[in-house]
N, C-alpha and C. Protein backbone atom coordinates (compact mmCIF):
# COMPACT_ATOMS: atom_id res chain seq x y z
N MET A 1 -13.39 -15.51 10.13
CA MET A 1 -12.77 -14.23 10.39
C MET A 1 -13.03 -13.30 9.21
N ALA A 2 -13.37 -12.06 9.51
CA ALA A 2 -13.67 -11.08 8.46
C ALA A 2 -12.39 -10.66 7.73
N GLU A 3 -12.55 -10.41 6.46
CA GLU A 3 -11.43 -9.93 5.63
C GLU A 3 -10.99 -8.55 6.12
N LYS A 4 -9.70 -8.30 6.05
CA LYS A 4 -9.16 -6.98 6.37
C LYS A 4 -8.76 -6.29 5.07
N PHE A 5 -8.72 -4.97 5.11
CA PHE A 5 -8.41 -4.16 3.93
C PHE A 5 -7.33 -3.15 4.26
N LEU A 6 -6.44 -2.92 3.28
CA LEU A 6 -5.38 -1.93 3.42
C LEU A 6 -5.75 -0.71 2.59
N TYR A 7 -5.71 0.47 3.20
CA TYR A 7 -6.11 1.72 2.55
C TYR A 7 -4.91 2.62 2.31
N PHE A 8 -4.88 3.22 1.11
CA PHE A 8 -3.82 4.15 0.72
C PHE A 8 -4.45 5.36 0.04
N MET A 9 -4.01 6.55 0.36
CA MET A 9 -4.43 7.79 -0.31
C MET A 9 -3.17 8.59 -0.57
N GLU A 10 -2.84 8.79 -1.85
CA GLU A 10 -1.59 9.48 -2.16
C GLU A 10 -1.73 10.99 -2.22
N GLU A 11 -2.92 11.49 -2.44
CA GLU A 11 -3.11 12.94 -2.54
C GLU A 11 -3.11 13.58 -1.17
N THR A 12 -2.66 14.83 -1.12
CA THR A 12 -2.66 15.55 0.14
C THR A 12 -3.73 16.63 0.19
N ASP A 13 -4.49 16.77 -0.90
CA ASP A 13 -5.50 17.83 -0.95
C ASP A 13 -6.90 17.36 -0.56
N GLY A 14 -7.05 16.09 -0.23
CA GLY A 14 -8.34 15.57 0.19
C GLY A 14 -9.32 15.27 -0.93
N ALA A 15 -8.95 15.56 -2.16
CA ALA A 15 -9.85 15.37 -3.29
C ALA A 15 -9.60 14.03 -3.98
N PHE A 16 -10.69 13.33 -4.24
CA PHE A 16 -10.62 12.09 -5.02
C PHE A 16 -10.92 12.48 -6.47
N ASP A 17 -9.97 13.16 -7.12
CA ASP A 17 -10.26 13.77 -8.41
C ASP A 17 -9.38 13.27 -9.56
N ALA A 18 -8.62 12.21 -9.34
CA ALA A 18 -7.79 11.66 -10.41
C ALA A 18 -7.71 10.14 -10.24
N ALA A 19 -7.42 9.48 -11.34
CA ALA A 19 -7.31 8.02 -11.30
C ALA A 19 -6.28 7.59 -10.26
N ASN A 20 -6.65 6.61 -9.49
CA ASN A 20 -5.76 5.99 -8.51
C ASN A 20 -5.26 6.94 -7.42
N ASP A 21 -6.05 7.96 -7.09
CA ASP A 21 -5.71 8.81 -5.95
C ASP A 21 -5.70 7.99 -4.67
N ALA A 22 -6.60 7.01 -4.62
CA ALA A 22 -6.72 6.17 -3.43
C ALA A 22 -6.96 4.73 -3.85
N MET A 23 -6.64 3.82 -2.96
CA MET A 23 -6.86 2.40 -3.22
C MET A 23 -7.10 1.71 -1.88
N CYS A 24 -8.04 0.81 -1.87
CA CYS A 24 -8.33 -0.01 -0.69
C CYS A 24 -8.39 -1.45 -1.17
N ARG A 25 -7.46 -2.28 -0.72
CA ARG A 25 -7.35 -3.64 -1.22
C ARG A 25 -7.49 -4.66 -0.10
N PRO A 26 -8.13 -5.79 -0.39
CA PRO A 26 -8.21 -6.84 0.63
C PRO A 26 -6.82 -7.42 0.90
N VAL A 27 -6.58 -7.76 2.14
CA VAL A 27 -5.29 -8.36 2.52
C VAL A 27 -5.03 -9.63 1.72
N SER A 28 -6.09 -10.35 1.37
CA SER A 28 -5.92 -11.59 0.59
C SER A 28 -5.30 -11.35 -0.78
N GLU A 29 -5.30 -10.11 -1.26
CA GLU A 29 -4.70 -9.76 -2.56
C GLU A 29 -3.26 -9.25 -2.41
N PHE A 30 -2.80 -9.12 -1.18
CA PHE A 30 -1.45 -8.64 -0.92
C PHE A 30 -0.46 -9.75 -1.23
N ARG A 31 0.57 -9.44 -2.06
CA ARG A 31 1.55 -10.44 -2.45
C ARG A 31 2.87 -10.32 -1.71
N GLY A 32 3.14 -9.18 -1.14
CA GLY A 32 4.38 -9.03 -0.39
C GLY A 32 5.02 -7.67 -0.57
N PHE A 33 6.19 -7.54 0.05
CA PHE A 33 6.96 -6.30 0.02
C PHE A 33 8.09 -6.42 -0.98
N GLY A 34 8.54 -5.29 -1.49
CA GLY A 34 9.71 -5.25 -2.36
C GLY A 34 10.54 -4.03 -2.03
N ILE A 35 11.82 -4.19 -2.11
CA ILE A 35 12.74 -3.07 -1.90
C ILE A 35 13.26 -2.66 -3.26
N ILE A 36 13.15 -1.37 -3.54
CA ILE A 36 13.69 -0.85 -4.79
C ILE A 36 15.01 -0.15 -4.49
N ALA A 37 15.72 0.25 -5.50
CA ALA A 37 17.05 0.85 -5.32
C ALA A 37 16.95 2.24 -4.69
N SER A 38 16.50 2.29 -3.48
CA SER A 38 16.37 3.54 -2.75
C SER A 38 16.33 3.22 -1.27
N THR A 39 16.98 4.03 -0.47
CA THR A 39 16.93 3.82 0.97
C THR A 39 15.67 4.44 1.57
N THR A 40 14.88 5.16 0.74
CA THR A 40 13.70 5.86 1.26
C THR A 40 12.40 5.40 0.61
N SER A 41 12.36 4.16 0.13
CA SER A 41 11.15 3.63 -0.49
C SER A 41 10.91 2.19 -0.06
N LEU A 42 9.63 1.82 -0.06
CA LEU A 42 9.21 0.45 0.21
C LEU A 42 8.00 0.17 -0.66
N GLU A 43 8.06 -0.91 -1.44
CA GLU A 43 6.94 -1.29 -2.31
C GLU A 43 6.07 -2.34 -1.65
N LEU A 44 4.76 -2.19 -1.84
CA LEU A 44 3.80 -3.22 -1.48
C LEU A 44 3.19 -3.70 -2.79
N HIS A 45 3.17 -5.01 -3.00
CA HIS A 45 2.66 -5.60 -4.24
C HIS A 45 1.33 -6.28 -3.98
N PHE A 46 0.41 -6.10 -4.93
CA PHE A 46 -0.92 -6.70 -4.86
C PHE A 46 -1.23 -7.37 -6.19
N ASN A 47 -2.12 -8.37 -6.17
CA ASN A 47 -2.63 -8.92 -7.42
C ASN A 47 -3.18 -7.77 -8.25
N SER A 48 -2.98 -7.84 -9.55
CA SER A 48 -3.43 -6.78 -10.44
C SER A 48 -4.96 -6.74 -10.52
N MET A 49 -5.52 -5.55 -10.39
CA MET A 49 -6.97 -5.39 -10.56
C MET A 49 -7.35 -5.50 -12.03
N LEU A 50 -6.42 -5.16 -12.93
CA LEU A 50 -6.72 -5.15 -14.36
C LEU A 50 -6.12 -6.33 -15.11
N GLY A 51 -5.14 -7.02 -14.54
CA GLY A 51 -4.55 -8.19 -15.17
C GLY A 51 -5.36 -9.43 -14.87
N THR A 52 -5.36 -10.37 -15.78
CA THR A 52 -6.13 -11.59 -15.58
C THR A 52 -5.35 -12.80 -16.07
N GLY A 53 -5.75 -13.98 -15.61
CA GLY A 53 -5.28 -15.26 -16.12
C GLY A 53 -3.81 -15.34 -16.43
N ALA A 54 -3.47 -15.30 -17.71
CA ALA A 54 -2.09 -15.48 -18.15
C ALA A 54 -1.19 -14.33 -17.73
N ASP A 55 -1.78 -13.24 -17.30
CA ASP A 55 -1.01 -12.06 -16.92
C ASP A 55 -0.64 -12.11 -15.44
N ILE A 56 -0.22 -13.26 -14.97
CA ILE A 56 0.05 -13.46 -13.54
C ILE A 56 1.18 -12.58 -13.02
N ALA A 57 2.08 -12.14 -13.90
CA ALA A 57 3.20 -11.32 -13.46
C ALA A 57 2.80 -9.88 -13.16
N ALA A 58 1.64 -9.46 -13.64
CA ALA A 58 1.20 -8.09 -13.40
C ALA A 58 0.89 -7.89 -11.93
N VAL A 59 1.41 -6.83 -11.36
CA VAL A 59 1.10 -6.48 -9.98
C VAL A 59 0.75 -5.01 -9.90
N ASP A 60 -0.13 -4.69 -8.98
CA ASP A 60 -0.36 -3.30 -8.62
C ASP A 60 0.61 -2.99 -7.49
N LYS A 61 1.09 -1.76 -7.45
CA LYS A 61 2.08 -1.39 -6.45
C LYS A 61 1.67 -0.13 -5.72
N VAL A 62 2.04 -0.10 -4.47
CA VAL A 62 2.02 1.13 -3.70
C VAL A 62 3.45 1.32 -3.21
N VAL A 63 4.02 2.45 -3.57
CA VAL A 63 5.37 2.77 -3.11
C VAL A 63 5.25 3.76 -1.97
N LEU A 64 5.71 3.34 -0.81
CA LEU A 64 5.72 4.21 0.35
C LEU A 64 7.01 5.00 0.38
N THR A 65 6.92 6.28 0.66
CA THR A 65 8.09 7.09 0.93
C THR A 65 8.33 7.00 2.44
N VAL A 66 9.56 6.63 2.80
CA VAL A 66 9.85 6.32 4.20
C VAL A 66 11.14 6.98 4.65
N THR A 67 11.30 7.05 5.95
CA THR A 67 12.56 7.50 6.52
C THR A 67 13.64 6.51 6.09
N ALA A 68 14.81 7.02 5.77
CA ALA A 68 15.90 6.19 5.26
C ALA A 68 16.16 4.98 6.15
N ASN A 69 16.20 3.82 5.50
CA ASN A 69 16.57 2.55 6.12
C ASN A 69 15.63 2.10 7.24
N LYS A 70 14.35 2.48 7.16
CA LYS A 70 13.36 2.06 8.15
C LYS A 70 12.35 1.07 7.56
N GLN A 71 12.69 0.47 6.41
CA GLN A 71 11.78 -0.45 5.75
C GLN A 71 11.37 -1.62 6.63
N LYS A 72 12.31 -2.21 7.34
CA LYS A 72 11.99 -3.37 8.18
C LYS A 72 10.98 -3.01 9.26
N GLU A 73 11.16 -1.87 9.90
CA GLU A 73 10.24 -1.44 10.94
C GLU A 73 8.84 -1.21 10.38
N ILE A 74 8.76 -0.66 9.19
CA ILE A 74 7.46 -0.41 8.56
C ILE A 74 6.81 -1.73 8.15
N MET A 75 7.58 -2.65 7.59
CA MET A 75 7.04 -3.97 7.28
C MET A 75 6.46 -4.61 8.53
N ASP A 76 7.17 -4.51 9.63
CA ASP A 76 6.69 -5.07 10.90
C ASP A 76 5.38 -4.40 11.33
N SER A 77 5.28 -3.09 11.21
CA SER A 77 4.05 -2.38 11.57
C SER A 77 2.87 -2.86 10.74
N ILE A 78 3.08 -3.05 9.44
CA ILE A 78 2.00 -3.49 8.55
C ILE A 78 1.59 -4.92 8.88
N VAL A 79 2.55 -5.80 9.07
CA VAL A 79 2.25 -7.19 9.41
C VAL A 79 1.53 -7.27 10.75
N GLN A 80 1.96 -6.49 11.72
CA GLN A 80 1.29 -6.48 13.02
C GLN A 80 -0.16 -6.02 12.89
N ALA A 81 -0.40 -5.00 12.07
CA ALA A 81 -1.77 -4.51 11.87
C ALA A 81 -2.62 -5.56 11.17
N ILE A 82 -2.05 -6.22 10.17
CA ILE A 82 -2.79 -7.27 9.47
C ILE A 82 -3.19 -8.38 10.45
N ASN A 83 -2.27 -8.76 11.29
CA ASN A 83 -2.51 -9.88 12.19
C ASN A 83 -3.33 -9.54 13.43
N PHE A 84 -3.23 -8.31 13.92
CA PHE A 84 -3.82 -8.03 15.23
C PHE A 84 -4.81 -6.87 15.29
N ALA A 85 -4.94 -6.07 14.24
CA ALA A 85 -5.86 -4.93 14.30
C ALA A 85 -7.30 -5.42 14.46
N LYS A 86 -8.04 -4.78 15.33
CA LYS A 86 -9.45 -5.12 15.54
C LYS A 86 -10.31 -4.57 14.40
N ASP A 87 -9.96 -3.38 13.91
CA ASP A 87 -10.70 -2.75 12.82
C ASP A 87 -10.24 -3.38 11.50
N PRO A 88 -11.15 -3.86 10.66
CA PRO A 88 -10.74 -4.47 9.40
C PRO A 88 -10.25 -3.46 8.36
N PHE A 89 -10.43 -2.17 8.61
CA PHE A 89 -9.99 -1.11 7.71
C PHE A 89 -8.68 -0.55 8.24
N ILE A 90 -7.57 -0.92 7.60
CA ILE A 90 -6.24 -0.56 8.08
C ILE A 90 -5.69 0.57 7.20
N VAL A 91 -5.49 1.74 7.79
CA VAL A 91 -4.92 2.87 7.06
C VAL A 91 -3.41 2.73 7.09
N VAL A 92 -2.82 2.53 5.91
CA VAL A 92 -1.37 2.46 5.80
C VAL A 92 -0.81 3.84 5.51
N CYS A 93 -1.44 4.55 4.57
CA CYS A 93 -0.97 5.88 4.18
C CYS A 93 -2.17 6.70 3.73
N ASP A 94 -2.46 7.77 4.43
CA ASP A 94 -3.52 8.70 4.06
C ASP A 94 -2.92 10.10 4.06
N GLY A 95 -2.38 10.49 2.91
CA GLY A 95 -1.72 11.79 2.79
C GLY A 95 -2.64 12.96 3.07
N SER A 96 -3.92 12.81 2.74
CA SER A 96 -4.87 13.90 2.94
C SER A 96 -5.10 14.24 4.41
N ASN A 97 -5.05 13.23 5.24
CA ASN A 97 -5.32 13.42 6.67
C ASN A 97 -4.08 13.22 7.54
N SER A 98 -2.92 13.07 6.90
CA SER A 98 -1.65 12.86 7.60
C SER A 98 -1.74 11.71 8.59
N LEU A 99 -2.35 10.59 8.12
CA LEU A 99 -2.44 9.38 8.92
C LEU A 99 -1.56 8.31 8.29
N PHE A 100 -0.66 7.75 9.07
CA PHE A 100 0.28 6.76 8.57
C PHE A 100 0.40 5.62 9.57
N ILE A 101 0.60 4.42 9.08
CA ILE A 101 0.67 3.24 9.93
C ILE A 101 1.89 3.27 10.84
N ASN A 102 2.87 4.06 10.46
CA ASN A 102 4.13 4.15 11.20
C ASN A 102 4.64 5.58 10.99
N SER A 103 5.23 6.16 11.99
CA SER A 103 5.72 7.54 11.87
C SER A 103 6.84 7.71 10.85
N ASP A 104 7.43 6.62 10.40
CA ASP A 104 8.48 6.68 9.39
C ASP A 104 7.93 6.63 7.96
N VAL A 105 6.62 6.55 7.79
CA VAL A 105 5.98 6.65 6.47
C VAL A 105 5.58 8.10 6.29
N THR A 106 5.90 8.68 5.13
CA THR A 106 5.58 10.10 4.90
C THR A 106 4.68 10.34 3.70
N ALA A 107 4.58 9.37 2.79
CA ALA A 107 3.75 9.54 1.59
C ALA A 107 3.66 8.20 0.87
N CYS A 108 2.82 8.17 -0.19
CA CYS A 108 2.74 6.97 -1.03
C CYS A 108 2.39 7.35 -2.46
N ALA A 109 2.67 6.43 -3.37
CA ALA A 109 2.31 6.57 -4.78
C ALA A 109 1.72 5.25 -5.22
N ILE A 110 0.57 5.31 -5.91
CA ILE A 110 -0.18 4.12 -6.31
C ILE A 110 -0.01 3.89 -7.80
N THR A 111 0.28 2.63 -8.19
CA THR A 111 0.37 2.25 -9.60
C THR A 111 -0.50 1.03 -9.83
N VAL A 112 -1.51 1.18 -10.70
CA VAL A 112 -2.35 0.06 -11.10
C VAL A 112 -1.88 -0.39 -12.48
N THR A 113 -1.54 -1.66 -12.62
CA THR A 113 -0.94 -2.19 -13.84
C THR A 113 -1.99 -2.86 -14.71
N ALA A 114 -2.09 -2.41 -15.94
CA ALA A 114 -3.02 -3.01 -16.89
C ALA A 114 -2.45 -4.32 -17.42
N ALA A 115 -3.33 -5.19 -17.90
CA ALA A 115 -2.90 -6.45 -18.49
C ALA A 115 -2.01 -6.18 -19.70
N ALA A 116 -1.00 -7.03 -19.89
CA ALA A 116 -0.06 -6.84 -21.01
C ALA A 116 -0.73 -7.21 -22.32
């Protein structure tokens, strides 16, 4: 089975002109979801692109801005896409083109964590 990829674009101007404006990660690097102290956010954690070996705690994050208390529904949408999408390129959040995996996602912010 071919690897699937999750795509995120945080900018709304369509320009790839700053570090981490966009990220496309293989599903095999996805570590899971996290809830932060907010009813309107959902974190997706990935293995760190910049951390290595002993830096196992380092994770890259994408924080989705979501409709209040809709995290479970969005997690379900992402898991369903990972498991059943025919296209291996899964758009989770594309602010530039207003494309979102679920209508309750409105934006995202990407954080790439360097090794400690």
